[in-house]
């Protein structure tokens, strides 16, 4: 009887060991699969922000559009003016109170500007269809005036794009970009005149400061230390 119970107990322990041995690999495989799936899920989650940053990046700026460059030969491409260049004519030169004067005639409606320092011009009435101006300054010296016709219009090129690259300027007459800033005033002209010498006794000015004070007619000669008539 005791032998039978021992056989039954031994057989039960043997079956229990076999069952435990068979079930153990299944549990390990399940654990391995569970552990390896965790990093895969983590990689999927970290890829999402990168895609978001790519979509939110600002677009590249477009290249600015510039006006065309001017041709090398600007003289051949300049548009013709719609009026004639103003003309001034010298009528006479004379002296008043030992001061030199030039009488100049210009067309009515023209404007003028003195360009030479120390000279001045003023209106002197009309003579026929001409405007008279008188100019005075240093004796026996050259001076320039700029005469313009304000009613003269220089045609310009109408362009949609007036922007130029750095170090370039837009030429509104030709409608193009140039490196040289060109001042085109086809309605103006610069005229040069010469004052006359008036009879002045410069010899009475024995000192240089007194001679210089009358420099409109006299000049000081440093070599001979005398005041002489300006030539």
C-alpha atoms as a PDB file:
ATOM      1  CA  UNK A   1       0.000   0.000   0.000  1.00  0.00           C
ATOM      2  CA  UNK A   2       2.841   2.378   0.873  1.00  0.00           C
ATOM      3  CA  UNK A   3       4.545   1.590  -2.415  1.00  0.00           C
ATOM      4  CA  UNK A   4       1.410   2.538  -4.327  1.00  0.00           C
ATOM      5  CA  UNK A   5       1.162   5.960  -2.658  1.00  0.00           C
ATOM      6  CA  UNK A   6       4.845   6.603  -3.286  1.00  0.00           C
ATOM      7  CA  UNK A   7       4.366   5.804  -6.974  1.00  0.00           C
ATOM      8  CA  UNK A   8       1.394   8.143  -7.207  1.00  0.00           C
ATOM      9  CA  UNK A   9       3.260  11.008  -5.468  1.00  0.00           C
ATOM     10  CA  UNK A  10       6.344  10.517  -7.661  1.00  0.00           C
ATOM     11  CA  UNK A  11       4.239  10.511 -10.813  1.00  0.00           C
ATOM     12  CA  UNK A  12       2.483  13.747  -9.715  1.00  0.00           C
ATOM     13  CA  UNK A  13       5.742  15.536  -9.006  1.00  0.00           C
ATOM     14  CA  UNK A  14       7.106  14.436 -12.375  1.00  0.00           C
ATOM     15  CA  UNK A  15       4.057  15.801 -14.250  1.00  0.00           C
ATOM     16  CA  UNK A  16       4.255  19.070 -12.324  1.00  0.00           C
ATOM     17  CA  UNK A  17       7.934  19.567 -13.310  1.00  0.00           C
ATOM     18  CA  UNK A  18       7.209  18.800 -16.956  1.00  0.00           C
ATOM     19  CA  UNK A  19       4.314  21.323 -16.992  1.00  0.00           C
ATOM     20  CA  UNK A  20       6.452  24.048 -15.441  1.00  0.00           C
ATOM     21  CA  UNK A  21       9.292  23.432 -17.871  1.00  0.00           C
ATOM     22  CA  UNK A  22       6.987  23.714 -20.895  1.00  0.00           C
ATOM     23  CA  UNK A  23       5.241  26.892 -19.786  1.00  0.00           C
ATOM     24  CA  UNK A  24       8.459  28.818 -18.911  1.00  0.00           C
ATOM     25  CA  UNK A  25       9.657  29.616 -22.561  1.00  0.00           C
ATOM     26  CA  UNK A  26       6.258  30.957 -23.467  1.00  0.00           C
ATOM     27  CA  UNK A  27       6.394  33.510 -20.684  1.00  0.00           C
ATOM     28  CA  UNK A  28       9.919  34.580 -21.621  1.00  0.00           C
ATOM     29  CA  UNK A  29       9.005  35.044 -25.259  1.00  0.00           C
ATOM     30  CA  UNK A  30       6.053  37.182 -24.291  1.00  0.00           C
ATOM     31  CA  UNK A  31       8.269  39.334 -22.065  1.00  0.00           C
ATOM     32  CA  UNK A  32      10.881  39.750 -24.819  1.00  0.00           C
ATOM     33  CA  UNK A  33       8.261  40.870 -27.345  1.00  0.00           C
ATOM     34  CA  UNK A  34       6.825  43.344 -24.865  1.00  0.00           C
ATOM     35  CA  UNK A  35      10.228  44.823 -24.078  1.00  0.00           C
ATOM     36  CA  UNK A  36      11.296  45.260 -27.725  1.00  0.00           C
ATOM     37  CA  UNK A  37       8.041  46.969 -28.683  1.00  0.00           C
ATOM     38  CA  UNK A  38       8.615  49.844 -26.263  1.00  0.00           C
ATOM     39  CA  UNK A  39      11.557  51.545 -28.161  1.00  0.00           C
ATOM     40  CA  UNK A  40       9.654  51.237 -31.437  1.00  0.00           C
ATOM     41  CA  UNK A  41       6.740  53.193 -30.004  1.00  0.00           C
ATOM     42  CA  UNK A  42       9.179  55.807 -28.633  1.00  0.00           C
ATOM     43  CA  UNK A  43      10.760  56.385 -32.072  1.00  0.00           C
ATOM     44  CA  UNK A  44       7.353  56.957 -33.620  1.00  0.00           C
ATOM     45  CA  UNK A  45       6.491  59.607 -31.044  1.00  0.00           C
ATOM     46  CA  UNK A  46       9.772  61.576 -31.439  1.00  0.00           C
ATOM     47  CA  UNK A  47       9.395  61.736 -35.229  1.00  0.00           C
ATOM     48  CA  UNK A  48       6.184  63.768 -34.986  1.00  0.00           C
ATOM     49  CA  UNK A  49       7.766  67.104 -33.759  1.00  0.00           C
ATOM     50  CA  UNK A  50      10.383  66.956 -36.557  1.00  0.00           C
ATOM     51  CA  UNK A  51       7.643  66.785 -39.187  1.00  0.00           C
ATOM     52  CA  UNK A  52       5.873  69.717 -37.538  1.00  0.00           C
ATOM     53  CA  UNK A  53       9.031  71.892 -37.647  1.00  0.00           C
ATOM     54  CA  UNK A  54       9.485  71.178 -41.351  1.00  0.00           C
ATOM     55  CA  UNK A  55       5.946  72.260 -42.170  1.00  0.00           C
ATOM     56  CA  UNK A  56       6.203  75.524 -40.135  1.00  0.00           C
ATOM     57  CA  UNK A  57       9.505  76.725 -41.706  1.00  0.00           C
ATOM     58  CA  UNK A  58       9.106  80.156 -43.469  1.00  0.00           C
ATOM     59  CA  UNK A  59       9.260  80.152 -47.285  1.00  0.00           C
ATOM     60  CA  UNK A  60      12.376  81.552 -49.018  1.00  0.00           C
ATOM     61  CA  UNK A  61      12.123  85.236 -50.062  1.00  0.00           C
ATOM     62  CA  UNK A  62      11.712  85.974 -53.764  1.00  0.00           C
ATOM     63  CA  UNK A  63      14.533  87.681 -55.730  1.00  0.00           C
ATOM     64  CA  UNK A  64      13.851  91.475 -56.035  1.00  0.00           C
ATOM     65  CA  UNK A  65      13.063  92.785 -59.515  1.00  0.00           C
ATOM     66  CA  UNK A  66      15.302  95.596 -60.840  1.00  0.00           C
ATOM     67  CA  UNK A  67      15.030  98.011 -63.755  1.00  0.00           C
ATOM     68  CA  UNK A  68      17.289  97.307 -66.784  1.00  0.00           C
ATOM     69  CA  UNK A  69      20.840  98.686 -66.934  1.00  0.00           C
ATOM     70  CA  UNK A  70      21.558 101.753 -69.079  1.00  0.00           C
ATOM     71  CA  UNK A  71      23.442 101.308 -72.321  1.00  0.00           C
ATOM     72  CA  UNK A  72      27.055 102.476 -72.552  1.00  0.00           C
ATOM     73  CA  UNK A  73      26.247 105.094 -75.211  1.00  0.00           C
ATOM     74  CA  UNK A  74      23.787 107.292 -73.327  1.00  0.00           C
ATOM     75  CA  UNK A  75      23.890 110.086 -75.908  1.00  0.00           C
ATOM     76  CA  UNK A  76      22.202 107.948 -78.550  1.00  0.00           C
ATOM     77  CA  UNK A  77      19.366 106.893 -76.244  1.00  0.00           C
ATOM     78  CA  UNK A  78      18.406 110.262 -74.755  1.00  0.00           C
ATOM     79  CA  UNK A  79      14.916 111.412 -75.770  1.00  0.00           C
ATOM     80  CA  UNK A  80      14.629 114.668 -77.654  1.00  0.00           C
ATOM     81  CA  UNK A  81      13.498 117.725 -75.726  1.00  0.00           C
ATOM     82  CA  UNK A  82      10.125 119.229 -76.587  1.00  0.00           C
ATOM     83  CA  UNK A  83      11.486 122.782 -76.759  1.00  0.00           C
ATOM     84  CA  UNK A  84      14.599 124.711 -77.716  1.00  0.00           C
ATOM     85  CA  UNK A  85      17.496 125.423 -75.360  1.00  0.00           C
ATOM     86  CA  UNK A  86      17.190 129.006 -74.027  1.00  0.00           C
ATOM     87  CA  UNK A  87      19.532 131.618 -75.470  1.00  0.00           C
ATOM     88  CA  UNK A  88      20.839 134.781 -73.779  1.00  0.00           C
ATOM     89  CA  UNK A  89      22.601 137.617 -75.604  1.00  0.00           C
ATOM     90  CA  UNK A  90      24.913 140.260 -74.221  1.00  0.00           C
ATOM     91  CA  UNK A  91      23.749 143.737 -75.289  1.00  0.00           C
ATOM     92  CA  UNK A  92      26.532 145.936 -73.895  1.00  0.00           C
ATOM     93  CA  UNK A  93      29.183 146.430 -71.174  1.00  0.00           C
ATOM     94  CA  UNK A  94      29.584 149.720 -69.324  1.00  0.00           C
ATOM     95  CA  UNK A  95      30.774 151.367 -66.109  1.00  0.00           C
ATOM     96  CA  UNK A  96      28.693 153.222 -63.517  1.00  0.00           C
ATOM     97  CA  UNK A  97      30.437 154.858 -60.572  1.00  0.00           C
ATOM     98  CA  UNK A  98      33.581 152.983 -61.586  1.00  0.00           C
ATOM     99  CA  UNK A  99      31.777 149.636 -61.322  1.00  0.00           C
ATOM    100  CA  UNK A 100      31.551 147.290 -64.350  1.00  0.00           C
ATOM    101  CA  UNK A 101      28.157 146.143 -65.650  1.00  0.00           C
ATOM    102  CA  UNK A 102      26.941 143.739 -68.316  1.00  0.00           C
ATOM    103  CA  UNK A 103      23.528 144.204 -69.929  1.00  0.00           C
ATOM    104  CA  UNK A 104      22.102 140.817 -71.002  1.00  0.00           C
ATOM    105  CA  UNK A 105      18.918 140.111 -72.981  1.00  0.00           C
ATOM    106  CA  UNK A 106      16.896 136.913 -72.514  1.00  0.00           C
ATOM    107  CA  UNK A 107      13.489 135.775 -73.763  1.00  0.00           C
ATOM    108  CA  UNK A 108      10.507 136.702 -71.595  1.00  0.00           C
ATOM    109  CA  UNK A 109       9.575 133.963 -69.165  1.00  0.00           C
ATOM    110  CA  UNK A 110      13.083 132.548 -68.778  1.00  0.00           C
ATOM    111  CA  UNK A 111      14.692 132.271 -65.360  1.00  0.00           C
ATOM    112  CA  UNK A 112      18.355 132.859 -64.470  1.00  0.00           C
ATOM    113  CA  UNK A 113      20.776 132.087 -61.667  1.00  0.00           C
ATOM    114  CA  UNK A 114      24.277 133.482 -61.030  1.00  0.00           C
ATOM    115  CA  UNK A 115      26.810 130.675 -60.651  1.00  0.00           C
ATOM    116  CA  UNK A 116      29.990 132.690 -59.955  1.00  0.00           C
ATOM    117  CA  UNK A 117      30.676 133.842 -56.405  1.00  0.00           C
ATOM    118  CA  UNK A 118      31.014 137.614 -55.964  1.00  0.00           C
ATOM    119  CA  UNK A 119      28.679 138.478 -58.869  1.00  0.00           C
ATOM    120  CA  UNK A 120      25.025 139.471 -58.818  1.00  0.00           C
ATOM    121  CA  UNK A 121      22.352 140.026 -61.467  1.00  0.00           C
ATOM    122  CA  UNK A 122      19.012 141.866 -61.310  1.00  0.00           C
ATOM    123  CA  UNK A 123      16.049 142.675 -63.560  1.00  0.00           C
ATOM    124  CA  UNK A 124      16.359 145.890 -65.582  1.00  0.00           C
ATOM    125  CA  UNK A 125      13.003 146.068 -67.390  1.00  0.00           C
ATOM    126  CA  UNK A 126      12.017 144.979 -70.883  1.00  0.00           C
ATOM    127  CA  UNK A 127      13.181 145.863 -74.356  1.00  0.00           C
ATOM    128  CA  UNK A 128      10.672 144.749 -76.980  1.00  0.00           C
ATOM    129  CA  UNK A 129      10.010 141.014 -76.380  1.00  0.00           C
ATOM    130  CA  UNK A 130      13.203 140.611 -74.371  1.00  0.00           C
ATOM    131  CA  UNK A 131      13.844 140.687 -70.638  1.00  0.00           C
ATOM    132  CA  UNK A 132      16.853 142.835 -69.640  1.00  0.00           C
ATOM    133  CA  UNK A 133      19.115 141.899 -66.725  1.00  0.00           C
ATOM    134  CA  UNK A 134      22.247 143.664 -65.475  1.00  0.00           C
ATOM    135  CA  UNK A 135      25.139 141.826 -63.852  1.00  0.00           C
ATOM    136  CA  UNK A 136      28.056 143.280 -61.924  1.00  0.00           C
ATOM    137  CA  UNK A 137      31.022 142.065 -59.929  1.00  0.00           C
ATOM    138  CA  UNK A 138      34.780 142.005 -60.174  1.00  0.00           C
ATOM    139  CA  UNK A 139      36.311 144.085 -62.960  1.00  0.00           C
ATOM    140  CA  UNK A 140      37.846 142.311 -65.969  1.00  0.00           C
ATOM    141  CA  UNK A 141      36.674 138.917 -64.752  1.00  0.00           C
ATOM    142  CA  UNK A 142      34.609 136.091 -66.154  1.00  0.00           C
ATOM    143  CA  UNK A 143      31.301 134.969 -64.644  1.00  0.00           C
ATOM    144  CA  UNK A 144      28.620 132.417 -65.478  1.00  0.00           C
ATOM    145  CA  UNK A 145      24.836 132.424 -65.277  1.00  0.00           C
ATOM    146  CA  UNK A 146      22.431 129.529 -65.713  1.00  0.00           C
ATOM    147  CA  UNK A 147      19.395 130.372 -67.878  1.00  0.00           C
ATOM    148  CA  UNK A 148      16.384 128.000 -67.886  1.00  0.00           C
ATOM    149  CA  UNK A 149      13.032 127.703 -69.627  1.00  0.00           C
ATOM    150  CA  UNK A 150      10.521 126.526 -66.986  1.00  0.00           C
ATOM    151  CA  UNK A 151       7.902 125.704 -69.646  1.00  0.00           C
ATOM    152  CA  UNK A 152      10.237 123.254 -71.380  1.00  0.00           C
ATOM    153  CA  UNK A 153       9.449 119.610 -70.548  1.00  0.00           C
ATOM    154  CA  UNK A 154      11.985 116.832 -70.936  1.00  0.00           C
ATOM    155  CA  UNK A 155      10.119 113.574 -71.741  1.00  0.00           C
ATOM    156  CA  UNK A 156      10.825 110.680 -69.409  1.00  0.00           C
ATOM    157  CA  UNK A 157      10.442 106.930 -69.782  1.00  0.00           C
ATOM    158  CA  UNK A 158       7.500 105.494 -67.851  1.00  0.00           C
ATOM    159  CA  UNK A 159       8.556 102.277 -66.138  1.00  0.00           C
ATOM    160  CA  UNK A 160       6.836  99.858 -63.785  1.00  0.00           C
ATOM    161  CA  UNK A 161      10.072  99.013 -61.953  1.00  0.00           C
ATOM    162  CA  UNK A 162      12.287 101.884 -60.738  1.00  0.00           C
ATOM    163  CA  UNK A 163      14.381  99.951 -58.226  1.00  0.00           C
ATOM    164  CA  UNK A 164      18.129  99.464 -58.832  1.00  0.00           C
ATOM    165  CA  UNK A 165      20.810  97.269 -57.210  1.00  0.00           C
ATOM    166  CA  UNK A 166      23.178  98.661 -54.594  1.00  0.00           C
ATOM    167  CA  UNK A 167      25.613 101.360 -55.850  1.00  0.00           C
ATOM    168  CA  UNK A 168      23.330 102.093 -58.836  1.00  0.00           C
ATOM    169  CA  UNK A 169      21.002 105.055 -59.435  1.00  0.00           C
ATOM    170  CA  UNK A 170      17.741 105.110 -61.369  1.00  0.00           C
ATOM    171  CA  UNK A 171      17.779 107.406 -64.424  1.00  0.00           C
ATOM    172  CA  UNK A 172      14.172 108.575 -64.820  1.00  0.00           C
ATOM    173  CA  UNK A 173      14.886 110.037 -68.274  1.00  0.00           C
ATOM    174  CA  UNK A 174      16.036 106.761 -69.818  1.00  0.00           C
ATOM    175  CA  UNK A 175      14.234 104.415 -67.418  1.00  0.00           C
ATOM    176  CA  UNK A 176      17.306 102.362 -66.498  1.00  0.00           C
ATOM    177  CA  UNK A 177      19.974 101.876 -63.814  1.00  0.00           C
ATOM    178  CA  UNK A 178      23.371 103.604 -64.002  1.00  0.00           C
ATOM    179  CA  UNK A 179      26.392 103.870 -61.678  1.00  0.00           C
ATOM    180  CA  UNK A 180      26.896 107.563 -62.497  1.00  0.00           C
ATOM    181  CA  UNK A 181      24.323 109.997 -61.148  1.00  0.00           C
ATOM    182  CA  UNK A 182      23.461 112.017 -64.250  1.00  0.00           C
ATOM    183  CA  UNK A 183      21.923 115.464 -64.044  1.00  0.00           C
ATOM    184  CA  UNK A 184      20.098 116.024 -67.333  1.00  0.00           C
ATOM    185  CA  UNK A 185      18.602 119.493 -67.696  1.00  0.00           C
ATOM    186  CA  UNK A 186      17.943 119.984 -71.382  1.00  0.00           C
ATOM    187  CA  UNK A 187      15.843 123.060 -70.648  1.00  0.00           C
ATOM    188  CA  UNK A 188      18.818 124.990 -69.164  1.00  0.00           C
ATOM    189  CA  UNK A 189      22.059 126.409 -70.532  1.00  0.00           C
ATOM    190  CA  UNK A 190      25.102 127.906 -68.802  1.00  0.00           C
ATOM    191  CA  UNK A 191      26.441 131.118 -70.377  1.00  0.00           C
ATOM    192  CA  UNK A 192      29.790 132.805 -69.717  1.00  0.00           C
ATOM    193  CA  UNK A 193      30.396 136.547 -69.825  1.00  0.00           C
ATOM    194  CA  UNK A 194      33.299 138.953 -69.185  1.00  0.00           C
ATOM    195  CA  UNK A 195      33.164 142.248 -67.284  1.00  0.00           C
ATOM    196  CA  UNK A 196      34.917 145.339 -68.614  1.00  0.00           C
ATOM    197  CA  UNK A 197      37.654 147.480 -67.031  1.00  0.00           C
ATOM    198  CA  UNK A 198      36.597 150.852 -65.690  1.00  0.00           C
ATOM    199  CA  UNK A 199      38.882 153.895 -65.336  1.00  0.00           C
ATOM    200  CA  UNK A 200      40.070 153.850 -61.741  1.00  0.00           C
ATOM    201  CA  UNK A 201      43.209 155.441 -60.322  1.00  0.00           C
ATOM    202  CA  UNK A 202      44.432 152.466 -58.356  1.00  0.00           C
ATOM    203  CA  UNK A 203      47.728 154.218 -57.629  1.00  0.00           C
ATOM    204  CA  UNK A 204      46.118 156.267 -54.890  1.00  0.00           C
ATOM    205  CA  UNK A 205      45.721 153.104 -52.825  1.00  0.00           C
ATOM    206  CA  UNK A 206      49.222 152.828 -51.388  1.00  0.00           C
ATOM    207  CA  UNK A 207      48.411 150.086 -48.898  1.00  0.00           C
ATOM    208  CA  UNK A 208      47.390 146.540 -49.656  1.00  0.00           C
ATOM    209  CA  UNK A 209      44.217 146.452 -47.483  1.00  0.00           C
ATOM    210  CA  UNK A 210      42.914 149.606 -49.226  1.00  0.00           C
ATOM    211  CA  UNK A 211      43.711 148.126 -52.636  1.00  0.00           C
ATOM    212  CA  UNK A 212      41.991 144.839 -51.815  1.00  0.00           C
ATOM    213  CA  UNK A 213      38.914 146.767 -50.686  1.00  0.00           C
ATOM    214  CA  UNK A 214      38.638 148.060 -54.268  1.00  0.00           C
ATOM    215  CA  UNK A 215      39.407 144.681 -55.828  1.00  0.00           C
ATOM    216  CA  UNK A 216      36.489 145.020 -58.266  1.00  0.00           C
ATOM    217  CA  UNK A 217      38.826 147.300 -60.257  1.00  0.00           C
ATOM    218  CA  UNK A 218      42.272 147.035 -58.674  1.00  0.00           C
ATOM    219  CA  UNK A 219      44.714 144.301 -57.675  1.00  0.00           C
ATOM    220  CA  UNK A 220      47.759 144.374 -55.424  1.00  0.00           C
ATOM    221  CA  UNK A 221      51.178 143.598 -56.957  1.00  0.00           C
ATOM    222  CA  UNK A 222      53.250 141.917 -54.229  1.00  0.00           C
ATOM    223  CA  UNK A 223      56.485 142.028 -56.254  1.00  0.00           C
ATOM    224  CA  UNK A 224      56.410 145.815 -56.777  1.00  0.00           C
ATOM    225  CA  UNK A 225      54.214 146.513 -53.735  1.00  0.00           C
ATOM    226  CA  UNK A 226      51.867 148.751 -55.716  1.00  0.00           C
ATOM    227  CA  UNK A 227      48.105 148.782 -56.413  1.00  0.00           C
ATOM    228  CA  UNK A 228      47.399 148.577 -60.136  1.00  0.00           C
ATOM    229  CA  UNK A 229      44.403 148.419 -62.455  1.00  0.00           C
ATOM    230  CA  UNK A 230      43.029 144.930 -62.882  1.00  0.00           C
ATOM    231  CA  UNK A 231      43.656 143.533 -66.354  1.00  0.00           C
END
